[in-house]
């Protein structure tokens, strides 16, 4: 608060603008200023109250403009994303999952990819965080679900046995009010049995309220979906999640699988994870990122149920997955 007694209105306005310009030179600052000049009989407190009110109005105007700018930014990004989805910029690949005891395909994980301007394939780690930060990730998650359901419907028309397909859903998508209704509606639209869809939740769900998460998982499993905990072993919080929620599968993170044959501690952690899975009402265990024979041998000896990784197959197109693993052999 600055009081300027015995000053003309023109000089007062000049000083005010000079102050504004001084603040504008500071790139890291945004400043709201309320001013009041009057003459004659003056009530100082009345002047202060009026100036403070004008400052609040200017501040609110600034926030409104920023909010409008953010909303416009969101709308523009959303329109661009939906356009990219329609034009096939995003695609879904499948990485088959194998029973480690029989070496037969027992499922697959759906993985989203983005095609760059030069035709190169961009992995999820390069674009998923951006769409999560912008609050747009649900559009990608539901695009993957719709693409998988459409494929499953087509495969069913070929009278083939379709294994469960795992789809990763962001914490942001899971927290939407109508998440359950949306996935049910999509499955019903494509006439896909609920048990075909396995909903993967990454370790970031630890940021959700545990009771809300437990209720969501219970509701999804009650409908008929299976639910898996992805990336187990990357955060300590997973242990607390396991005490409160029943998952159908626990997916062992690649960071542990990488060292299972060479690091005793990694071997012990995977061993106890598999034992926990079998103790938790027979929750299955899935090892991600298997690339070497010694990793496969170690996981098999520890009685891990399912494995996926480049040792078996890299992610492949949905058409190739069907022809290689589902279509009846002549």
Protein backbone atom coordinates (compact mmCIF):
# COMPACT_ATOMS: atom_id res chain seq x y z
CA UNK A 1 0.00 0.00 0.00
CA UNK A 2 1.35 3.39 -1.02
CA UNK A 3 -0.19 6.72 -0.01
CA UNK A 4 0.57 9.73 -2.22
CA UNK A 5 -0.61 12.93 -0.52
CA UNK A 6 -0.72 16.30 -2.24
CA UNK A 7 -0.30 15.03 -5.80
CA UNK A 8 -2.19 15.96 -8.92
CA UNK A 9 -4.19 13.34 -10.83
CA UNK A 10 -1.95 13.51 -13.90
CA UNK A 11 1.21 13.00 -11.86
CA UNK A 12 -0.49 10.23 -9.88
CA UNK A 13 -1.41 8.36 -13.06
CA UNK A 14 2.12 8.85 -14.40
CA UNK A 15 3.62 7.26 -11.29
CA UNK A 16 1.12 4.40 -11.45
CA UNK A 17 2.01 3.57 -15.07
CA UNK A 18 5.69 3.87 -14.27
CA UNK A 19 5.20 1.27 -11.54
CA UNK A 20 3.33 -1.08 -13.89
CA UNK A 21 6.08 -0.83 -16.52
CA UNK A 22 8.73 -1.54 -13.90
CA UNK A 23 6.96 -4.76 -12.89
CA UNK A 24 6.42 -5.81 -16.52
CA UNK A 25 10.17 -5.82 -17.05
CA UNK A 26 10.36 -8.64 -14.50
CA UNK A 27 9.44 -11.65 -16.64
CA UNK A 28 8.68 -13.90 -13.66
CA UNK A 29 6.10 -11.58 -12.11
CA UNK A 30 2.45 -10.88 -12.71
CA UNK A 31 1.17 -7.89 -10.76
CA UNK A 32 -2.30 -6.49 -10.14
CA UNK A 33 -2.57 -2.87 -9.00
CA UNK A 34 -5.61 -1.03 -7.69
CA UNK A 35 -5.46 2.79 -7.54
CA UNK A 36 -7.77 5.55 -6.33
CA UNK A 37 -7.21 9.31 -6.66
CA UNK A 38 -9.56 11.90 -5.29
CA UNK A 39 -9.56 15.48 -4.06
CA UNK A 40 -11.30 17.43 -1.39
CA UNK A 41 -12.23 15.89 1.94
CA UNK A 42 -10.45 12.49 2.04
CA UNK A 43 -11.16 9.40 4.16
CA UNK A 44 -7.88 7.47 3.97
CA UNK A 45 -9.43 4.10 4.90
CA UNK A 46 -12.15 4.53 2.29
CA UNK A 47 -9.45 5.17 -0.28
CA UNK A 48 -7.60 2.03 0.75
CA UNK A 49 -10.76 -0.12 0.63
CA UNK A 50 -11.69 1.18 -2.83
CA UNK A 51 -8.16 0.69 -4.20
CA UNK A 52 -8.04 -2.83 -2.75
CA UNK A 53 -11.36 -3.64 -4.41
CA UNK A 54 -10.06 -2.41 -7.76
CA UNK A 55 -6.91 -4.50 -7.30
CA UNK A 56 -9.04 -7.61 -6.68
CA UNK A 57 -11.07 -6.89 -9.81
CA UNK A 58 -7.90 -6.58 -11.86
CA UNK A 59 -6.55 -9.78 -10.35
CA UNK A 60 -9.79 -11.63 -11.15
CA UNK A 61 -9.67 -10.32 -14.71
CA UNK A 62 -6.14 -11.73 -15.01
CA UNK A 63 -7.20 -15.15 -13.68
CA UNK A 64 -10.19 -15.20 -16.02
CA UNK A 65 -7.97 -14.47 -19.01
CA UNK A 66 -5.51 -17.17 -17.94
CA UNK A 67 -8.35 -19.65 -17.42
CA UNK A 68 -9.77 -18.83 -20.83
CA UNK A 69 -6.32 -19.25 -22.33
CA UNK A 70 -5.91 -22.67 -20.68
CA UNK A 71 -9.37 -23.75 -21.79
CA UNK A 72 -8.64 -22.69 -25.36
CA UNK A 73 -5.30 -24.52 -25.20
CA UNK A 74 -7.08 -27.68 -23.97
CA UNK A 75 -9.74 -27.48 -26.68
CA UNK A 76 -7.13 -27.02 -29.40
CA UNK A 77 -5.05 -29.96 -28.15
CA UNK A 78 -8.17 -32.12 -27.84
CA UNK A 79 -9.28 -31.33 -31.39
CA UNK A 80 -5.78 -32.10 -32.68
CA UNK A 81 -5.65 -35.40 -30.76
CA UNK A 82 -9.08 -36.53 -31.97
CA UNK A 83 -8.11 -35.60 -35.53
CA UNK A 84 -4.90 -37.64 -35.20
CA UNK A 85 -6.89 -40.61 -33.89
CA UNK A 86 -9.32 -40.39 -36.83
CA UNK A 87 -6.48 -40.15 -39.34
CA UNK A 88 -4.68 -43.22 -38.00
CA UNK A 89 -1.73 -41.49 -36.35
CA UNK A 90 -2.21 -43.84 -33.40
CA UNK A 91 -2.26 -47.62 -33.75
CA UNK A 92 -2.47 -50.63 -31.46
CA UNK A 93 0.07 -53.41 -31.36
CA UNK A 94 -0.16 -56.72 -29.53
CA UNK A 95 2.54 -58.44 -27.50
CA UNK A 96 1.61 -62.07 -26.90
CA UNK A 97 1.79 -63.58 -23.41
CA UNK A 98 2.87 -67.20 -22.97
CA UNK A 99 2.28 -69.82 -20.32
CA UNK A 100 5.74 -70.65 -19.01
CA UNK A 101 4.73 -74.24 -18.33
CA UNK A 102 3.19 -75.03 -21.73
CA UNK A 103 4.78 -72.33 -23.97
CA UNK A 104 1.30 -71.68 -25.40
CA UNK A 105 -0.23 -68.22 -25.96
CA UNK A 106 -2.63 -67.44 -23.12
CA UNK A 107 -3.14 -63.73 -23.67
CA UNK A 108 -1.74 -60.49 -25.07
CA UNK A 109 -1.08 -56.93 -24.04
CA UNK A 110 -2.39 -54.09 -26.21
CA UNK A 111 0.24 -51.38 -26.71
CA UNK A 112 -0.42 -48.01 -28.29
CA UNK A 113 2.01 -46.49 -30.78
CA UNK A 114 2.15 -43.12 -32.52
CA UNK A 115 3.41 -42.51 -36.03
CA UNK A 116 5.72 -39.51 -36.31
CA UNK A 117 5.83 -36.96 -39.13
CA UNK A 118 8.59 -38.91 -40.85
CA UNK A 119 6.77 -42.22 -40.52
CA UNK A 120 8.83 -43.39 -37.55
CA UNK A 121 7.12 -45.35 -34.77
CA UNK A 122 7.08 -43.44 -31.49
CA UNK A 123 6.94 -45.50 -28.25
CA UNK A 124 4.42 -44.62 -25.50
CA UNK A 125 7.04 -43.23 -23.12
CA UNK A 126 7.61 -40.41 -25.61
CA UNK A 127 4.02 -39.16 -25.73
CA UNK A 128 1.87 -40.67 -22.94
CA UNK A 129 3.25 -38.36 -20.18
CA UNK A 130 2.39 -35.30 -22.30
CA UNK A 131 -1.24 -36.35 -22.77
CA UNK A 132 -1.49 -37.25 -19.08
CA UNK A 133 -0.26 -33.80 -18.05
CA UNK A 134 -2.78 -32.17 -20.39
CA UNK A 135 -5.66 -34.33 -19.09
CA UNK A 136 -6.23 -35.87 -22.53
CA UNK A 137 -5.08 -39.43 -21.86
CA UNK A 138 -8.64 -40.85 -21.51
CA UNK A 139 -9.16 -40.30 -25.25
CA UNK A 140 -6.14 -42.51 -26.01
CA UNK A 141 -7.06 -45.14 -23.42
CA UNK A 142 -10.59 -45.50 -24.79
CA UNK A 143 -9.28 -45.51 -28.36
CA UNK A 144 -7.16 -48.54 -27.46
CA UNK A 145 -10.14 -50.26 -25.82
CA UNK A 146 -12.37 -49.60 -28.84
CA UNK A 147 -9.70 -50.84 -31.24
CA UNK A 148 -9.20 -54.03 -29.24
CA UNK A 149 -12.94 -54.66 -28.92
CA UNK A 150 -13.46 -54.18 -32.65
CA UNK A 151 -10.68 -56.69 -33.36
CA UNK A 152 -12.08 -59.19 -30.84
CA UNK A 153 -15.49 -58.95 -32.48
CA UNK A 154 -13.95 -59.65 -35.88
CA UNK A 155 -11.92 -62.55 -34.50
CA UNK A 156 -15.03 -64.03 -32.89
CA UNK A 157 -16.71 -63.95 -36.28
CA UNK A 158 -13.92 -66.28 -37.42
CA UNK A 159 -14.92 -68.72 -34.65
CA UNK A 160 -11.51 -68.64 -32.95
CA UNK A 161 -10.83 -68.78 -29.23
CA UNK A 162 -9.79 -65.27 -28.18
CA UNK A 163 -7.53 -65.09 -25.09
CA UNK A 164 -7.70 -62.25 -22.56
CA UNK A 165 -6.31 -58.93 -23.79
CA UNK A 166 -4.65 -56.58 -21.29
CA UNK A 167 -5.18 -52.85 -21.68
CA UNK A 168 -3.36 -50.26 -19.60
CA UNK A 169 -5.50 -47.45 -18.20
CA UNK A 170 -4.01 -44.26 -16.78
CA UNK A 171 -4.80 -43.18 -13.24
CA UNK A 172 -6.46 -40.11 -14.76
CA UNK A 173 -8.78 -42.30 -16.83
CA UNK A 174 -9.61 -44.53 -13.87
CA UNK A 175 -10.62 -41.47 -11.84
CA UNK A 176 -13.22 -40.25 -14.34
CA UNK A 177 -16.74 -40.45 -12.94
CA UNK A 178 -18.13 -42.62 -15.72
CA UNK A 179 -15.14 -44.92 -16.27
CA UNK A 180 -16.98 -48.17 -15.49
CA UNK A 181 -20.02 -47.19 -17.55
CA UNK A 182 -17.81 -46.27 -20.52
CA UNK A 183 -15.92 -49.55 -20.69
CA UNK A 184 -19.13 -51.54 -20.22
CA UNK A 185 -20.83 -49.58 -23.02
CA UNK A 186 -17.86 -50.10 -25.37
CA UNK A 187 -17.73 -53.86 -24.70
CA UNK A 188 -21.49 -54.16 -25.15
CA UNK A 189 -21.36 -52.19 -28.40
CA UNK A 190 -18.84 -54.62 -29.89
CA UNK A 191 -20.40 -57.64 -28.16
CA UNK A 192 -17.17 -58.49 -26.36
CA UNK A 193 -17.47 -60.64 -23.20
CA UNK A 194 -16.15 -58.76 -20.20
CA UNK A 195 -13.75 -61.53 -19.18
CA UNK A 196 -11.78 -60.98 -22.40
CA UNK A 197 -10.67 -57.53 -21.18
CA UNK A 198 -7.97 -57.38 -18.51
CA UNK A 199 -7.63 -53.89 -17.02
CA UNK A 200 -4.05 -53.02 -16.13
CA UNK A 201 -3.35 -50.43 -13.46
CA UNK A 202 0.17 -49.06 -13.10
CA UNK A 203 1.91 -48.15 -9.86
CA UNK A 204 0.69 -44.55 -10.25
CA UNK A 205 -2.66 -45.66 -8.81
CA UNK A 206 -0.91 -45.39 -5.43
CA UNK A 207 -1.76 -41.68 -5.70
CA UNK A 208 -5.48 -42.52 -5.65
CA UNK A 209 -7.51 -42.82 -2.47
CA UNK A 210 -7.12 -46.46 -1.43
CA UNK A 211 -10.76 -46.93 -0.49
CA UNK A 212 -11.95 -45.44 -3.77
CA UNK A 213 -9.51 -47.65 -5.69
CA UNK A 214 -10.55 -50.77 -3.78
CA UNK A 215 -14.21 -50.06 -4.51
CA UNK A 216 -13.45 -49.54 -8.21
CA UNK A 217 -11.51 -52.80 -8.51
CA UNK A 218 -14.24 -54.70 -6.65
CA UNK A 219 -16.88 -53.24 -8.96
CA UNK A 220 -14.91 -54.08 -12.11
CA UNK A 221 -14.22 -57.66 -11.02
CA UNK A 222 -17.85 -58.04 -9.98
CA UNK A 223 -18.95 -57.11 -13.50
CA UNK A 224 -16.62 -59.71 -14.99
CA UNK A 225 -13.45 -57.85 -15.94
CA UNK A 226 -10.11 -59.06 -14.66
CA UNK A 227 -7.77 -56.49 -13.09
CA UNK A 228 -3.97 -56.61 -13.03
CA UNK A 229 -1.39 -54.61 -11.08
CA UNK A 230 1.27 -53.53 -13.57
CA UNK A 231 4.92 -52.59 -12.95
CA UNK A 232 5.16 -54.39 -9.61
CA UNK A 233 8.55 -53.83 -8.05
CA UNK A 234 9.08 -50.23 -9.13
CA UNK A 235 7.58 -48.53 -6.05
CA UNK A 236 7.26 -49.46 -2.37
CA UNK A 237 3.61 -48.40 -2.37
CA UNK A 238 2.63 -51.51 -4.29
CA UNK A 239 2.90 -53.55 -1.10
CA UNK A 240 0.28 -51.45 0.67
CA UNK A 241 -1.98 -51.72 -2.36
CA UNK A 242 -1.77 -55.50 -2.26
CA UNK A 243 -2.96 -55.55 1.35
CA UNK A 244 -6.20 -53.77 0.46
CA UNK A 245 -7.07 -54.91 -3.08
CA UNK A 246 -7.51 -58.26 -4.79
CA UNK A 247 -5.91 -58.39 -8.22
CA UNK A 248 -6.21 -61.19 -10.75
CA UNK A 249 -2.61 -60.81 -11.87
CA UNK A 250 0.56 -59.21 -10.56
CA UNK A 251 2.89 -58.11 -13.35
CA UNK A 252 6.57 -58.22 -12.39
CA UNK A 253 8.39 -55.21 -13.78
CA UNK A 254 11.10 -55.62 -16.41
CA UNK A 255 13.64 -53.92 -14.13
CA UNK A 256 13.54 -57.01 -11.88
CA UNK A 257 13.41 -59.52 -14.73
CA UNK A 258 16.51 -57.94 -16.30
CA UNK A 259 18.67 -59.02 -13.36
CA UNK A 260 16.90 -62.14 -12.10
CA UNK A 261 19.63 -64.48 -13.37
CA UNK A 262 22.56 -62.35 -12.26
CA UNK A 263 21.46 -60.53 -9.11
CA UNK A 264 20.60 -62.55 -6.02
CA UNK A 265 18.45 -59.80 -4.52
CA UNK A 266 16.39 -59.45 -7.70
CA UNK A 267 15.96 -63.24 -7.71
CA UNK A 268 14.74 -63.20 -4.09
CA UNK A 269 12.28 -60.37 -4.70
CA UNK A 270 10.78 -62.12 -7.74
CA UNK A 271 10.63 -65.40 -5.80
CA UNK A 272 8.64 -63.84 -2.98
CA UNK A 273 6.43 -61.90 -5.40
CA UNK A 274 5.43 -65.16 -7.10
CA UNK A 275 4.80 -66.79 -3.72
CA UNK A 276 2.65 -63.83 -2.66
CA UNK A 277 0.67 -64.11 -5.87
CA UNK A 278 -0.12 -67.74 -5.21
CA UNK A 279 -1.04 -66.99 -1.59
CA UNK A 280 -3.37 -64.10 -2.54
CA UNK A 281 -6.26 -66.32 -3.65
CA UNK A 282 -4.23 -67.66 -6.55
CA UNK A 283 -3.46 -64.34 -8.21
CA UNK A 284 -1.43 -65.12 -11.32
CA UNK A 285 2.04 -63.68 -11.90
CA UNK A 286 3.19 -62.26 -15.23
CA UNK A 287 6.86 -61.49 -15.92
CA UNK A 288 7.48 -58.61 -18.34
CA UNK A 289 10.49 -58.00 -20.52
CA UNK A 290 11.87 -61.53 -20.84
CA UNK A 291 14.72 -61.33 -23.36
CA UNK A 292 17.17 -64.10 -22.49
CA UNK A 293 17.05 -67.84 -21.98
CA UNK A 294 18.55 -67.66 -18.47
CA UNK A 295 15.79 -65.24 -17.43
CA UNK A 296 13.17 -67.68 -18.74
CA UNK A 297 14.80 -70.60 -16.93
CA UNK A 298 14.91 -68.70 -13.64
CA UNK A 299 11.26 -67.63 -13.90
CA UNK A 300 10.15 -71.13 -14.87
CA UNK A 301 12.00 -72.62 -11.90
CA UNK A 302 10.26 -70.13 -9.62
CA UNK A 303 6.86 -71.24 -11.01
CA UNK A 304 5.97 -67.89 -12.59
CA UNK A 305 2.73 -68.37 -14.53
CA UNK A 306 3.02 -66.17 -17.60
CA UNK A 307 5.77 -64.36 -19.49
CA UNK A 308 6.06 -61.80 -22.23
CA UNK A 309 9.00 -60.11 -23.89
CA UNK A 310 11.27 -60.09 -26.91
CA UNK A 311 12.40 -63.65 -26.13
CA UNK A 312 8.97 -64.77 -27.35
CA UNK A 313 7.86 -61.92 -29.58
CA UNK A 314 8.19 -58.18 -30.00
CA UNK A 315 4.91 -56.20 -30.20
CA UNK A 316 3.28 -57.00 -33.54
CA UNK A 317 0.33 -55.70 -35.52
CA UNK A 318 -3.12 -56.97 -34.63
CA UNK A 319 -3.40 -58.64 -38.02
CA UNK A 320 -0.12 -60.50 -37.50
CA UNK A 321 -1.15 -61.52 -33.99
CA UNK A 322 -4.34 -63.03 -35.36
CA UNK A 323 -2.69 -64.88 -38.23
CA UNK A 324 0.23 -66.15 -36.16
CA UNK A 325 -1.49 -67.13 -32.91
CA UNK A 326 -5.26 -67.33 -33.36
CA UNK A 327 -6.14 -68.36 -36.90
CA UNK A 328 -6.60 -72.14 -37.25
CA UNK A 329 -3.69 -73.75 -39.03
CA UNK A 330 -4.52 -75.43 -42.34
